[in-house]
Amino acid sequence: MADFASTTRNQLSREARTASNLVPGDSANSQLVHFVARLVDGMEMPPKGAGEALTPEQIGLIRAWIDQRAPWPDGLVLEAQPKTAATESANTTAPKVEAVAWTLPAPASKKVDYVKDIQPVLARSCYSCHGPSLQRAGLRLDVKSIALKGSQNGPVILLGRSADSRLIYLVAGVEPRRIMPQAGERLTVEQISLLRAWIDQGAQWPNEASPAEAAAKRDHWAFRVPLRPVLPKVSQTQWVRTPVDNFIAAQHRRRGLTPAREAPRRVLIRRLFLDLTGLPPAPEEIDAFLADTASDAYERLVEKLLASSQYGVRWGRHWLDLARWAETEGYEANEFRASAWRYRDYVVNSFSADKPYDQFLRQQIAGDEMVPFSDENLIATGFLASGRLNNIEQ
C-alpha cells in the first residue's frame, strides 16, 4: 500500500515521498514509528478496520530497535504470518502489556544545564502548545512555577523521578495516542535522555530563565516611572493637611474607621525624636518646642533632626546589620578588627548626608575601581569584607 513495503531492510529503509520510513539510530524521525503509532491520517498501520493497533510495548520495542540502528540479518526476508485458528486465538486472548520504564531512553549521564540543554528543546517543541499564547490541558512549560504545578490532569514533572513523570511518557511516545509534540519533529533519544537526567537531578530551573517571570520582575513597581496619582475626594477634611492624608482618609471611610485624636505636642516631639534619632528629647528641647507657636514649628524640628549626625547612627545601623558589620571577626578566633570603625563611619555619614542610593551601592561594590580615586570610595568596599571571617590557620 502507498508503495510501502516491509519485507526487506532495503525496502523498509528507502526514502519515501516526504521523509525516510526508517532512520537507523533515530526513531523519532522514522515514519514507520509515526505510522504504527497512528499519528498520520490515512497511513495508519495496520489500517483502521484491518487489524488491532500495536500496543505501547510493541511500539516501544520498534523504537528501541531503530535507536539501536535497526539490526537486520543479511538475506532475511519477512513474510506475512498465516492466520490460523491458533494464532487467532492467541491474538484474542493475549493480554495487552502496558509500557514500562525500560522502554524509555536511559537518562543522560552528564550534569544537565537547564538554559543550555533543556530550555531550547522546550522552546522548539513545546511552547507552541504549552507556552505564553496557548496552554493546552492547562499546561504551560515556559514558566517555572506553572510548569511544576502540572496540567489539569495533574503534575507532569515529578522531581527525581523521570521514569514516573508524564512529560517523559508523552515525549517518548509511550502512549501512541498521546505523543508530544503533536506537530513538528519528534524529540530525539538524546533530547529525551537529557530531559530524564534533568528531572532526576531535581529539575533545576533558574527563576530568571522563565521569560514570563523575568518580564513580571521587570514590571515590578520599583522599576516603573513614578506617576502622581489622582487625589481621592474625601468629605471629612478637617484634619487633612497633606496630599497623603487624602489617601488615609479614603481608606478610613472604606474600612469604617475614624482618625485618632491629634497627639499633644509633648507626645509628638517624643515620637519624632525616637523615630528619627532613636533617642528621647532632652527637657530643654521639649520646652523649646512647646514654646514655639509658629505654624511651621513641627516641620522645622523634622528638618533639624534629619540634618543631625544622630539620624545617620539611627538608620545606618540597619544597613550595618545587613552587611554583618562587627568590630571582631566573629568566628572561632574572633580577633579584633582595628579599622572596622572606618566602614561604620562611612555608612553613618552616608545616611546623614542623604547620599543617593545608586552612589552608595557603587562605592561599596566597586569603590576601588571608581575614578577619581578617593579614600572614601576605598573605605566603602569594607562592605565586601565586613562579615565574619575564619582566620585560623589550617
Protein backbone atom coordinates (compact mmCIF):
# COMPACT_ATOMS: atom_id res chain seq x y z
CA MET A 1 0.00 0.00 0.00
CA ALA A 2 1.23 3.54 -0.90
CA ASP A 3 4.44 1.98 -2.31
CA PHE A 4 5.38 0.97 1.21
CA ALA A 5 6.99 -2.44 1.73
CA SER A 6 8.44 -4.01 4.85
CA THR A 7 9.65 -7.43 3.71
CA THR A 8 13.33 -6.46 3.46
CA ARG A 9 15.50 -3.91 5.21
CA ASN A 10 16.22 -2.09 1.95
CA GLN A 11 12.54 -1.74 1.19
CA LEU A 12 11.79 -0.52 4.68
CA SER A 13 14.68 1.96 4.72
CA ARG A 14 14.13 3.58 1.36
CA GLU A 15 13.25 7.24 1.09
CA ALA A 16 9.53 7.90 0.94
CA ARG A 17 7.87 10.86 -0.72
CA THR A 18 8.35 13.21 2.22
CA ALA A 19 10.71 11.52 4.64
CA SER A 20 12.52 8.29 5.47
CA ASN A 21 10.46 5.37 6.67
CA LEU A 22 13.37 4.11 8.75
CA VAL A 23 16.26 6.23 10.07
CA PRO A 24 18.68 3.95 11.94
CA GLY A 25 19.51 5.45 15.32
CA ASP A 26 16.66 7.99 15.18
CA SER A 27 13.24 6.51 15.84
CA ALA A 28 11.70 9.92 16.45
CA ASN A 29 12.22 10.85 12.78
CA SER A 30 11.33 7.44 11.32
CA GLN A 31 7.96 7.44 9.57
CA LEU A 32 7.47 3.80 10.46
CA VAL A 33 7.02 4.80 14.11
CA HIS A 34 4.61 7.57 13.15
CA PHE A 35 2.59 5.09 11.09
CA VAL A 36 2.37 2.29 13.65
CA ALA A 37 1.57 4.88 16.36
CA ARG A 38 -1.28 6.02 14.07
CA LEU A 39 -0.19 9.63 14.03
CA VAL A 40 -0.62 10.13 10.27
CA ASP A 41 -4.17 10.20 8.95
CA GLY A 42 -4.59 7.76 6.06
CA MET A 43 -1.32 5.97 6.84
CA GLU A 44 -2.26 4.09 10.00
CA MET A 45 -0.51 0.72 10.39
CA PRO A 46 -2.29 -1.57 10.41
CA PRO A 47 -5.09 0.39 8.69
CA LYS A 48 -8.11 1.18 10.80
CA GLY A 49 -10.61 -1.68 10.48
CA ALA A 50 -7.94 -4.09 9.22
CA GLY A 51 -6.41 -5.14 12.50
CA GLU A 52 -5.69 -4.10 16.06
CA ALA A 53 -3.35 -1.21 16.73
CA LEU A 54 0.09 -2.06 18.11
CA THR A 55 0.36 -1.98 21.87
CA PRO A 56 2.53 0.62 23.61
CA GLU A 57 5.04 -2.15 24.40
CA GLN A 58 5.28 -3.17 20.74
CA ILE A 59 5.82 0.43 19.64
CA GLY A 60 8.44 0.81 22.36
CA LEU A 61 10.26 -2.27 21.05
CA ILE A 62 10.22 -0.92 17.48
CA ARG A 63 11.59 2.40 18.67
CA ALA A 64 14.32 0.71 20.71
CA TRP A 65 15.25 -1.46 17.69
CA ILE A 66 15.54 1.59 15.43
CA ASP A 67 17.50 3.56 18.03
CA GLN A 68 19.90 0.61 18.22
CA ARG A 69 20.47 1.18 14.47
CA ALA A 70 17.87 -1.37 13.35
CA PRO A 71 19.99 -4.58 13.16
CA TRP A 72 18.65 -6.92 10.42
CA PRO A 73 20.30 -10.24 9.48
CA ASP A 74 21.64 -10.34 5.93
CA GLY A 75 19.28 -12.00 3.49
CA LEU A 76 16.33 -12.04 5.88
CA VAL A 77 13.02 -11.62 4.04
CA LEU A 78 9.87 -11.26 6.10
CA GLU A 79 6.63 -12.98 5.18
CA ALA A 80 3.16 -12.39 6.45
CA GLN A 81 2.27 -14.79 9.24
CA PRO A 82 -0.53 -17.08 8.07
CA LYS A 83 -3.67 -16.74 10.09
CA THR A 84 -4.61 -19.99 11.80
CA ALA A 85 -7.06 -20.89 14.47
CA ALA A 86 -4.20 -20.97 16.97
CA THR A 87 -2.87 -17.52 16.10
CA GLU A 88 -6.36 -16.06 16.02
CA SER A 89 -6.97 -17.49 19.47
CA ALA A 90 -3.63 -16.18 20.71
CA ASN A 91 -4.32 -12.73 19.31
CA THR A 92 -7.67 -12.50 21.04
CA THR A 93 -6.59 -13.92 24.42
CA ALA A 94 -3.13 -12.41 24.85
CA PRO A 95 -3.29 -9.59 27.40
CA LYS A 96 -2.12 -6.15 26.35
CA VAL A 97 1.05 -5.26 28.20
CA GLU A 98 1.34 -1.67 29.39
CA ALA A 99 4.52 0.27 28.66
CA VAL A 100 7.16 0.12 31.36
CA ALA A 101 10.11 2.32 32.25
CA TRP A 102 12.70 0.17 30.44
CA THR A 103 11.18 1.18 27.11
CA LEU A 104 12.32 4.75 27.77
CA PRO A 105 15.71 6.09 26.70
CA ALA A 106 18.15 6.00 29.60
CA PRO A 107 18.89 9.29 31.39
CA ALA A 108 21.98 11.17 30.23
CA SER A 109 24.98 10.65 32.49
CA LYS A 110 26.18 14.27 32.48
CA LYS A 111 25.17 17.18 34.69
CA VAL A 112 22.35 18.93 32.85
CA ASP A 113 22.15 22.71 32.48
CA TYR A 114 18.59 23.98 32.06
CA VAL A 115 19.41 27.05 29.97
CA LYS A 116 21.81 25.21 27.67
CA ASP A 117 20.26 21.73 27.41
CA ILE A 118 16.56 21.89 28.32
CA GLN A 119 15.09 25.30 27.53
CA PRO A 120 15.96 25.16 23.79
CA VAL A 121 14.18 21.79 23.50
CA LEU A 122 11.07 23.06 25.26
CA ALA A 123 11.07 26.29 23.22
CA ARG A 124 11.33 24.46 19.89
CA SER A 125 8.96 21.59 20.56
CA CYS A 126 6.60 22.58 23.38
CA TYR A 127 5.97 26.32 23.63
CA SER A 128 3.64 26.43 20.61
CA CYS A 129 1.04 24.39 22.53
CA HIS A 130 2.19 24.97 26.11
CA GLY A 131 3.62 28.49 26.08
CA PRO A 132 2.54 32.10 26.54
CA SER A 133 -0.10 32.08 23.77
CA LEU A 134 -1.66 28.65 24.24
CA GLN A 135 -1.84 26.27 27.21
CA ARG A 136 -3.46 23.03 26.15
CA ALA A 137 -4.77 20.99 29.06
CA GLY A 138 -3.78 23.90 31.28
CA LEU A 139 -0.08 23.07 30.91
CA ARG A 140 2.45 25.86 30.46
CA LEU A 141 6.13 24.97 30.14
CA ASP A 142 7.75 28.38 29.79
CA VAL A 143 7.09 29.47 33.39
CA LYS A 144 8.74 27.52 36.19
CA SER A 145 6.06 27.97 38.86
CA ILE A 146 3.26 26.90 36.49
CA ALA A 147 5.15 24.03 34.82
CA LEU A 148 5.98 22.37 38.13
CA LYS A 149 2.31 22.50 39.14
CA GLY A 150 1.42 20.50 36.04
CA SER A 151 -1.69 20.40 33.88
CA GLN A 152 -5.38 19.97 34.56
CA ASN A 153 -4.64 16.24 34.73
CA GLY A 154 -2.03 16.62 37.46
CA PRO A 155 1.76 17.02 37.72
CA VAL A 156 3.80 16.20 34.63
CA ILE A 157 7.23 16.60 36.28
CA LEU A 158 8.00 14.53 39.37
CA LEU A 159 11.27 15.76 40.81
CA GLY A 160 13.86 12.99 40.92
CA ARG A 161 11.53 10.53 39.19
CA SER A 162 11.77 10.88 35.43
CA ALA A 163 10.56 7.33 34.81
CA ASP A 164 7.29 8.25 36.53
CA SER A 165 6.96 11.72 35.00
CA ARG A 166 4.16 12.09 32.49
CA LEU A 167 6.18 14.61 30.47
CA ILE A 168 8.71 11.89 29.63
CA TYR A 169 5.99 9.38 28.68
CA LEU A 170 4.41 11.88 26.33
CA VAL A 171 7.57 12.95 24.50
CA ALA A 172 8.88 9.37 24.37
CA GLY A 173 5.73 8.13 22.66
CA VAL A 174 4.91 5.51 25.28
CA GLU A 175 1.23 6.29 24.78
CA PRO A 176 0.70 6.13 20.99
CA ARG A 177 -2.42 8.25 21.01
CA ARG A 178 -0.82 10.96 23.13
CA ILE A 179 2.58 11.70 21.70
CA MET A 180 4.12 15.12 22.12
CA PRO A 181 4.72 17.25 20.23
CA GLN A 182 1.63 16.56 18.15
CA ALA A 183 3.06 18.52 15.22
CA GLY A 184 6.58 19.02 14.03
CA GLU A 185 9.68 16.96 14.65
CA ARG A 186 9.65 14.44 17.45
CA LEU A 187 12.22 14.65 20.23
CA THR A 188 15.39 12.66 19.65
CA VAL A 189 16.64 9.97 22.00
CA GLU A 190 19.38 12.33 23.16
CA GLN A 191 16.87 15.08 23.97
CA ILE A 192 14.66 12.68 25.93
CA SER A 193 17.72 11.41 27.79
CA LEU A 194 18.61 14.99 28.74
CA LEU A 195 15.05 15.62 29.94
CA ARG A 196 15.19 12.46 32.05
CA ALA A 197 18.54 13.41 33.58
CA TRP A 198 17.30 16.95 34.25
CA ILE A 199 14.25 15.66 36.16
CA ASP A 200 16.28 13.03 38.00
CA GLN A 201 18.71 15.75 39.07
CA GLY A 202 15.89 17.74 40.64
CA ALA A 203 14.75 19.78 37.60
CA GLN A 204 16.99 22.72 38.47
CA TRP A 205 15.40 25.77 36.83
CA PRO A 206 16.74 29.32 37.44
CA ASN A 207 13.94 31.79 38.02
CA GLU A 208 15.43 34.24 35.56
CA ALA A 209 15.24 31.58 32.82
CA SER A 210 11.44 31.85 32.71
CA PRO A 211 10.68 34.63 30.19
CA ALA A 212 7.27 35.41 31.67
CA GLU A 213 8.57 35.51 35.24
CA ALA A 214 11.52 37.64 34.19
CA ALA A 215 9.14 40.02 32.43
CA ALA A 216 6.97 40.20 35.54
CA LYS A 217 10.03 41.10 37.60
CA ARG A 218 10.97 43.82 35.12
CA ASP A 219 7.44 45.17 35.53
CA HIS A 220 7.88 45.45 39.31
CA TRP A 221 6.68 48.77 40.73
CA ALA A 222 10.24 49.68 41.72
CA PHE A 223 11.23 49.88 38.03
CA ARG A 224 8.27 51.93 36.84
CA VAL A 225 8.44 55.66 36.24
CA PRO A 226 6.77 57.40 39.21
CA LEU A 227 3.43 58.95 38.36
CA ARG A 228 1.48 61.35 40.54
CA PRO A 229 -1.86 59.66 41.33
CA VAL A 230 -5.19 61.41 41.41
CA LEU A 231 -6.09 62.50 44.94
CA PRO A 232 -9.16 60.75 46.36
CA LYS A 233 -12.05 63.02 47.20
CA VAL A 234 -12.95 62.97 50.89
CA SER A 235 -15.79 64.57 52.80
CA GLN A 236 -14.10 64.82 56.21
CA THR A 237 -11.37 67.36 55.52
CA GLN A 238 -10.89 69.00 58.91
CA TRP A 239 -7.71 67.04 59.65
CA VAL A 240 -6.39 66.67 56.07
CA ARG A 241 -3.22 68.76 55.81
CA THR A 242 -1.14 66.99 53.13
CA PRO A 243 -1.97 65.01 49.96
CA VAL A 244 -1.04 61.80 51.80
CA ASP A 245 -3.85 62.49 54.26
CA ASN A 246 -6.37 62.25 51.41
CA PHE A 247 -5.40 58.63 50.80
CA ILE A 248 -5.53 57.84 54.51
CA ALA A 249 -8.95 59.47 54.84
CA ALA A 250 -10.25 57.50 51.84
CA GLN A 251 -9.14 54.22 53.44
CA HIS A 252 -10.70 55.26 56.75
CA ARG A 253 -14.02 55.74 55.00
CA ARG A 254 -13.69 52.45 53.10
CA ARG A 255 -12.96 50.48 56.28
CA GLY A 256 -15.33 52.35 58.58
CA LEU A 257 -12.57 53.85 60.71
CA THR A 258 -12.21 57.24 62.36
CA PRO A 259 -8.88 59.03 62.88
CA ALA A 260 -7.35 59.18 66.33
CA ARG A 261 -7.18 62.48 68.14
CA GLU A 262 -4.17 64.66 67.42
CA ALA A 263 -1.31 63.89 69.78
CA PRO A 264 -0.31 66.56 72.32
CA ARG A 265 2.88 68.42 71.41
CA ARG A 266 4.80 66.81 74.26
CA VAL A 267 3.90 63.33 72.90
CA LEU A 268 4.57 64.44 69.33
CA ILE A 269 8.15 65.58 69.95
CA ARG A 270 8.94 62.37 71.79
CA ARG A 271 7.65 60.23 68.93
CA LEU A 272 9.62 62.29 66.43
CA PHE A 273 12.92 62.02 68.33
CA LEU A 274 12.60 58.28 68.89
CA ASP A 275 11.75 57.65 65.25
CA LEU A 276 14.46 59.79 63.63
CA THR A 277 17.31 59.59 66.16
CA GLY A 278 16.45 56.65 68.41
CA LEU A 279 16.89 58.89 71.49
CA PRO A 280 14.35 60.73 73.65
CA PRO A 281 14.37 64.54 73.56
CA ALA A 282 16.19 66.45 76.29
CA PRO A 283 13.99 68.50 78.70
CA GLU A 284 15.20 71.79 77.20
CA GLU A 285 14.33 70.55 73.67
CA ILE A 286 10.80 69.75 74.85
CA ASP A 287 10.42 73.18 76.44
CA ALA A 288 11.67 74.91 73.28
CA PHE A 289 9.17 73.03 71.10
CA LEU A 290 6.26 73.73 73.46
CA ALA A 291 7.14 77.43 73.44
CA ASP A 292 7.40 77.64 69.64
CA THR A 293 3.97 78.77 68.42
CA ALA A 294 4.96 79.25 64.78
CA SER A 295 2.87 77.36 62.21
CA ASP A 296 5.95 75.58 60.85
CA ALA A 297 7.42 74.55 64.21
CA TYR A 298 6.92 70.85 63.55
CA GLU A 299 8.41 70.99 60.03
CA ARG A 300 11.49 72.85 61.27
CA LEU A 301 12.03 70.29 64.00
CA VAL A 302 11.82 67.46 61.44
CA GLU A 303 14.44 69.15 59.24
CA LYS A 304 16.67 69.70 62.26
CA LEU A 305 16.59 66.02 63.25
CA LEU A 306 17.13 64.84 59.66
CA ALA A 307 20.25 67.01 59.50
CA SER A 308 21.65 65.76 62.81
CA SER A 309 24.51 63.24 62.87
CA GLN A 310 22.42 61.03 65.15
CA TYR A 311 19.98 60.41 62.28
CA GLY A 312 22.74 58.52 60.39
CA VAL A 313 23.55 56.49 63.51
CA ARG A 314 19.87 55.58 63.99
CA TRP A 315 19.19 54.45 60.43
CA GLY A 316 22.69 53.41 59.31
CA ARG A 317 22.66 50.59 61.84
CA HIS A 318 20.07 48.73 59.77
CA TRP A 319 22.46 48.64 56.81
CA LEU A 320 25.33 47.62 59.10
CA ASP A 321 23.24 44.70 60.36
CA LEU A 322 22.58 43.55 56.79
CA ALA A 323 26.28 43.83 55.95
CA ARG A 324 27.12 41.78 59.09
CA TRP A 325 29.45 44.51 60.27
CA ALA A 326 31.26 43.95 63.56
CA GLU A 327 34.45 45.08 65.26
CA THR A 328 35.60 41.47 65.61
CA GLU A 329 35.82 38.70 63.06
CA GLY A 330 33.06 36.75 64.75
CA TYR A 331 34.37 33.25 64.15
CA GLU A 332 36.46 30.79 66.17
CA ALA A 333 39.37 33.18 66.67
CA ASN A 334 37.12 36.29 66.93
CA GLU A 335 40.05 38.65 66.57
CA PHE A 336 39.66 42.42 66.89
CA ARG A 337 39.39 44.48 63.70
CA ALA A 338 41.27 47.67 64.40
CA SER A 339 39.99 49.54 61.33
CA ALA A 340 36.38 48.34 61.27
CA TRP A 341 35.18 51.71 62.54
CA ARG A 342 36.09 53.32 59.23
CA TYR A 343 33.39 51.43 57.33
CA ARG A 344 30.90 52.07 60.15
CA ASP A 345 31.51 55.81 59.96
CA TYR A 346 31.23 55.72 56.16
CA VAL A 347 27.73 54.22 56.41
CA VAL A 348 26.63 56.62 59.15
CA ASN A 349 27.91 59.66 57.26
CA SER A 350 26.28 58.46 54.02
CA PHE A 351 22.87 58.30 55.68
CA SER A 352 23.33 61.64 57.37
CA ALA A 353 24.33 63.24 54.06
CA ASP A 354 21.33 61.69 52.26
CA LYS A 355 23.70 60.16 49.71
CA PRO A 356 21.98 58.89 46.51
CA TYR A 357 21.35 55.16 46.78
CA ASP A 358 23.00 54.26 43.46
CA GLN A 359 26.21 56.04 44.50
CA PHE A 360 26.03 54.34 47.92
CA LEU A 361 25.89 50.91 46.26
CA ARG A 362 28.58 51.54 43.65
CA GLN A 363 31.05 52.75 46.26
CA GLN A 364 30.63 49.61 48.35
CA ILE A 365 30.75 47.11 45.50
CA ALA A 366 33.41 48.67 43.28
CA GLY A 367 34.83 51.68 45.11
CA ASP A 368 38.42 50.57 44.45
CA GLU A 369 37.75 50.81 40.69
CA MET A 370 35.98 54.17 40.68
CA VAL A 371 37.58 57.25 39.17
CA PRO A 372 38.64 59.59 40.61
CA PHE A 373 40.19 57.56 43.40
CA SER A 374 39.33 58.60 46.94
CA ASP A 375 39.78 57.29 50.46
CA GLU A 376 36.00 57.29 50.91
CA ASN A 377 35.48 55.01 47.90
CA LEU A 378 38.13 52.61 49.15
CA ILE A 379 36.77 52.54 52.70
CA ALA A 380 33.28 51.83 51.30
CA THR A 381 34.49 48.48 49.95
CA GLY A 382 34.65 47.32 53.57
CA PHE A 383 31.17 46.06 52.72
CA LEU A 384 32.82 43.15 50.89
CA ALA A 385 34.79 42.09 53.96
CA SER A 386 32.68 43.16 56.91
CA GLY A 387 31.17 39.72 57.53
CA ARG A 388 32.62 37.03 59.75
CA LEU A 389 35.97 35.50 58.85
CA ASN A 390 37.65 32.26 59.88
CA ASN A 391 41.23 33.41 60.34
CA ILE A 392 42.59 30.22 61.93
CA GLU A 393 45.49 28.67 60.10
CA GLN A 394 44.67 25.17 58.93
